[in-house]
Amino acid sequence: MTEFRNPHAGLGALLTPQDSVLLLIDHQAFQFANLHSHEPTLVVNNVVGLAKTAKVFQVPTILTTVLEERGGLMIKDVQNVFPDQKPINRSFINAWEDKRVVEAVKKTGRKKLVIAALWTEVCLAMPAIQAQGDGYDVYAVTDASGGVSIEAHDMAIRRMVQAGVTPLNWLAVLCEWQRDWARTETLGALAEVLVQHGGGAGIAFDWEMQLLGSKAKSA
């Protein structure tokens, strides 16, 4: 009798920087204009935090836009994290139908595909479901994505889960990539990302660092 193995359980189901590739899809002005599942500034904060985190861990990151000549460029706060990278500008609604996007992911040699996109129900769900079917382990970053309504966002997540996609938030990605606070080589840069984009967690982290700094000075 063959033993069943759950691919979504166990240590191997968690992300590492070495096996991850990040795909950021359509974080453009036009897409934000009809975003109603989240406060748009929150999604901006989260996707920029995610992008900066990927840069800290040297995770290959692919940017793509749809009809940017009409819908606007990738927002500057994301583009500025990767100033030398030109996003792949598509006509396909489903980014995974654009061979250039697929080839860019394949070139990394990584099989854990982390995706954030606008909108969740279209530009996240479609490539996530197709890539999962193509043999990738797909992770959908739900709070760095958003839909035209709360219902649209929620139904898209449910649909992706049915297809085997793993939903998580951007701070979960950060913690899985870091894994151990004793890994000091990334800790300094990661602390900056947390303070800038981590909300309450970032404020608490900054406070803790200040307290430690005060104790060190008084010792």
Protein backbone atom coordinates (compact mmCIF):
# COMPACT_ATOMS: atom_id res chain seq x y z
CA MET A 1 0.00 0.00 0.00
CA THR A 2 1.43 3.39 -1.04
CA GLU A 3 1.81 5.87 1.80
CA PHE A 4 -0.01 9.14 1.17
CA ARG A 5 2.14 12.26 1.46
CA ASN A 6 0.49 15.63 1.92
CA PRO A 7 2.52 18.15 -0.13
CA HIS A 8 1.06 21.00 1.93
CA ALA A 9 2.32 19.66 5.28
CA GLY A 10 5.71 19.17 6.86
CA LEU A 11 8.87 21.28 6.87
CA GLY A 12 9.20 21.03 3.09
CA ALA A 13 5.91 22.89 2.65
CA LEU A 14 7.45 26.02 4.16
CA LEU A 15 9.24 28.59 2.02
CA THR A 16 12.98 29.18 1.91
CA PRO A 17 14.80 31.94 0.00
CA GLN A 18 16.69 29.29 -1.97
CA ASP A 19 13.59 27.64 -3.45
CA SER A 20 11.35 30.70 -3.94
CA VAL A 21 10.65 33.01 -6.86
CA LEU A 22 8.40 36.05 -6.50
CA LEU A 23 5.98 37.20 -9.21
CA LEU A 24 4.34 40.63 -8.79
CA ILE A 25 1.47 41.19 -11.21
CA ASP A 26 -0.26 44.43 -12.21
CA HIS A 27 0.27 46.70 -9.23
CA GLN A 28 -0.68 49.64 -11.46
CA ALA A 29 -2.69 52.83 -11.00
CA PHE A 30 -5.67 51.59 -13.02
CA GLN A 31 -5.90 48.38 -11.01
CA PHE A 32 -5.77 50.24 -7.70
CA ALA A 33 -8.57 52.56 -8.86
CA ASN A 34 -11.16 49.75 -8.61
CA LEU A 35 -9.72 48.05 -5.51
CA HIS A 36 -12.44 47.67 -2.85
CA SER A 37 -11.52 44.56 -0.85
CA HIS A 38 -8.82 46.48 1.06
CA GLU A 39 -7.79 50.05 1.72
CA PRO A 40 -5.50 50.67 -1.31
CA THR A 41 -2.74 52.24 0.78
CA LEU A 42 -2.59 49.04 2.85
CA VAL A 43 -1.99 46.93 -0.25
CA VAL A 44 0.68 49.39 -1.41
CA ASN A 45 2.39 49.09 1.96
CA ASN A 46 2.23 45.30 1.92
CA VAL A 47 3.42 44.72 -1.63
CA VAL A 48 6.32 47.14 -1.15
CA GLY A 49 7.22 45.35 2.09
CA LEU A 50 7.07 42.04 0.23
CA ALA A 51 9.25 43.36 -2.60
CA LYS A 52 11.84 44.73 -0.19
CA THR A 53 11.85 41.44 1.71
CA ALA A 54 12.54 39.53 -1.50
CA LYS A 55 15.45 41.86 -2.21
CA VAL A 56 16.89 41.30 1.28
CA PHE A 57 16.88 37.54 0.73
CA GLN A 58 17.97 37.81 -2.93
CA VAL A 59 14.84 36.00 -4.07
CA PRO A 60 14.43 36.38 -7.86
CA THR A 61 11.56 38.77 -8.50
CA ILE A 62 9.63 39.16 -11.75
CA LEU A 63 7.51 42.23 -12.43
CA THR A 64 4.71 42.29 -14.98
CA THR A 65 2.06 44.78 -16.06
CA VAL A 66 -0.98 44.61 -18.31
CA LEU A 67 -1.49 47.23 -21.03
CA GLU A 68 0.59 49.77 -19.14
CA GLU A 69 0.14 52.28 -21.96
CA ARG A 70 -3.52 52.53 -20.82
CA GLY A 71 -3.49 51.28 -17.25
CA GLY A 72 -0.34 52.98 -16.03
CA LEU A 73 3.10 51.82 -15.03
CA MET A 74 3.97 49.66 -12.05
CA ILE A 75 3.64 51.92 -9.01
CA LYS A 76 6.88 53.74 -8.22
CA ASP A 77 7.22 52.34 -4.70
CA VAL A 78 7.52 48.82 -6.14
CA GLN A 79 9.53 49.80 -9.21
CA ASN A 80 12.02 51.70 -7.04
CA VAL A 81 12.90 48.47 -5.21
CA PHE A 82 14.07 47.07 -8.56
CA PRO A 83 15.05 50.23 -10.46
CA ASP A 84 16.91 48.42 -13.24
CA GLN A 85 14.16 45.92 -14.03
CA LYS A 86 11.62 46.66 -16.75
CA PRO A 87 8.29 44.93 -16.09
CA ILE A 88 7.02 42.51 -18.73
CA ASN A 89 4.11 44.40 -20.31
CA ARG A 90 1.40 41.98 -21.47
CA SER A 91 -1.91 41.89 -23.29
CA PHE A 92 -2.89 38.54 -21.74
CA ILE A 93 -5.16 38.91 -18.72
CA ASN A 94 -3.70 35.67 -17.38
CA ALA A 95 0.02 36.34 -16.96
CA TRP A 96 0.78 32.60 -17.14
CA GLU A 97 -0.39 32.58 -20.77
CA ASP A 98 2.42 34.97 -21.65
CA LYS A 99 5.45 32.83 -22.57
CA ARG A 100 7.87 35.55 -21.46
CA VAL A 101 6.54 35.42 -17.89
CA VAL A 102 6.65 31.62 -17.78
CA GLU A 103 10.18 31.55 -19.21
CA ALA A 104 11.36 34.14 -16.69
CA VAL A 105 10.08 31.93 -13.86
CA LYS A 106 11.59 28.79 -15.42
CA LYS A 107 15.01 30.43 -15.75
CA THR A 108 15.22 30.77 -11.97
CA GLY A 109 15.06 26.98 -11.60
CA ARG A 110 12.79 27.38 -8.57
CA LYS A 111 9.52 25.54 -7.99
CA LYS A 112 7.93 27.52 -5.12
CA LEU A 113 6.15 30.38 -6.82
CA VAL A 114 5.05 33.26 -4.59
CA ILE A 115 2.51 35.55 -6.28
CA ALA A 116 0.81 38.84 -5.43
CA ALA A 117 -1.46 40.58 -7.92
CA LEU A 118 -4.29 42.95 -8.65
CA TRP A 119 -7.00 41.83 -8.89
CA THR A 120 -7.23 38.66 -6.78
CA GLU A 121 -10.13 37.14 -8.69
CA VAL A 122 -8.46 37.56 -12.08
CA CYS A 123 -4.76 38.38 -12.25
CA LEU A 124 -3.86 36.36 -9.14
CA ALA A 125 -6.27 33.42 -9.40
CA MET A 126 -5.78 32.65 -13.09
CA PRO A 127 -1.96 32.31 -13.14
CA ALA A 128 -1.90 30.73 -9.67
CA ILE A 129 -4.32 27.98 -10.66
CA GLN A 130 -2.57 27.33 -13.99
CA ALA A 131 0.95 27.33 -12.51
CA GLN A 132 -0.18 24.97 -9.75
CA GLY A 133 -1.42 22.65 -12.48
CA ASP A 134 1.94 22.95 -14.25
CA GLY A 135 3.74 21.49 -11.25
CA TYR A 136 4.69 24.58 -9.26
CA ASP A 137 3.95 24.95 -5.56
CA VAL A 138 2.08 28.23 -5.64
CA TYR A 139 1.74 30.60 -2.66
CA ALA A 140 -0.76 33.47 -2.99
CA VAL A 141 0.05 36.53 -0.88
CA THR A 142 -3.46 37.65 -0.08
CA ASP A 143 -2.76 40.96 1.69
CA ALA A 144 -0.40 42.18 -1.05
CA SER A 145 -3.26 41.50 -3.48
CA GLY A 146 -6.83 42.74 -3.66
CA GLY A 147 -10.09 42.48 -5.56
CA VAL A 148 -12.94 44.68 -6.75
CA SER A 149 -14.96 43.66 -3.69
CA ILE A 150 -14.55 41.72 -0.46
CA GLU A 151 -16.64 38.92 -1.95
CA ALA A 152 -14.52 38.77 -5.13
CA HIS A 153 -11.32 38.55 -3.09
CA ASP A 154 -12.74 35.90 -0.76
CA MET A 155 -14.20 33.74 -3.53
CA ALA A 156 -10.90 33.87 -5.42
CA ILE A 157 -8.99 32.64 -2.38
CA ARG A 158 -11.46 29.78 -1.91
CA ARG A 159 -11.13 28.85 -5.57
CA MET A 160 -7.33 28.85 -5.40
CA VAL A 161 -7.33 26.72 -2.25
CA GLN A 162 -9.50 24.15 -4.05
CA ALA A 163 -6.79 24.01 -6.74
CA GLY A 164 -4.06 23.41 -4.14
CA VAL A 165 -2.68 26.95 -3.91
CA THR A 166 -1.46 28.01 -0.45
CA PRO A 167 -2.72 31.40 0.82
CA LEU A 168 -0.60 33.42 3.25
CA ASN A 169 0.21 37.04 4.10
CA TRP A 170 3.41 38.96 3.42
CA LEU A 171 4.66 38.82 7.02
CA ALA A 172 4.32 35.03 6.91
CA VAL A 173 6.53 35.03 3.79
CA LEU A 174 9.08 37.18 5.62
CA CYS A 175 9.15 34.88 8.64
CA GLU A 176 9.43 31.70 6.56
CA TRP A 177 12.33 33.15 4.58
CA GLN A 178 14.10 34.31 7.76
CA ARG A 179 13.14 31.19 9.79
CA ASP A 180 15.69 31.83 12.57
CA TRP A 181 16.39 35.20 14.23
CA ALA A 182 19.97 34.00 14.78
CA ARG A 183 20.56 34.41 11.03
CA THR A 184 22.16 37.79 11.51
CA GLU A 185 23.28 38.29 7.90
CA THR A 186 19.76 39.40 6.92
CA LEU A 187 18.54 40.69 10.26
CA GLY A 188 19.60 44.33 9.94
CA ALA A 189 18.01 44.89 6.53
CA LEU A 190 14.94 42.92 7.57
CA ALA A 191 14.52 45.07 10.68
CA GLU A 192 14.32 48.13 8.42
CA VAL A 193 11.60 46.50 6.31
CA LEU A 194 9.63 45.59 9.43
CA VAL A 195 9.88 49.08 10.90
CA GLN A 196 8.85 50.70 7.60
CA HIS A 197 6.04 48.32 6.61
CA GLY A 198 5.24 45.99 9.51
CA GLY A 199 2.51 48.08 11.12
CA GLY A 200 2.06 47.25 14.80
CA ALA A 201 4.64 44.48 14.58
CA GLY A 202 7.14 46.93 13.14
CA ILE A 203 6.46 49.49 15.86
CA ALA A 204 6.90 46.83 18.56
CA PHE A 205 10.12 45.64 16.93
CA ASP A 206 11.46 49.20 16.78
CA TRP A 207 10.58 49.71 20.45
CA GLU A 208 12.36 46.49 21.38
CA MET A 209 15.48 47.57 19.50
CA GLN A 210 15.42 50.95 21.27
CA LEU A 211 15.15 49.24 24.66
CA LEU A 212 18.03 46.92 23.85
CA GLY A 213 20.07 49.88 22.67
CA SER A 214 19.36 51.78 25.91
CA LYS A 215 20.36 48.79 28.04
CA ALA A 216 23.58 48.37 26.08
CA LYS A 217 24.50 52.04 26.63
CA SER A 218 23.80 51.87 30.37
CA ALA A 219 25.79 48.65 30.86
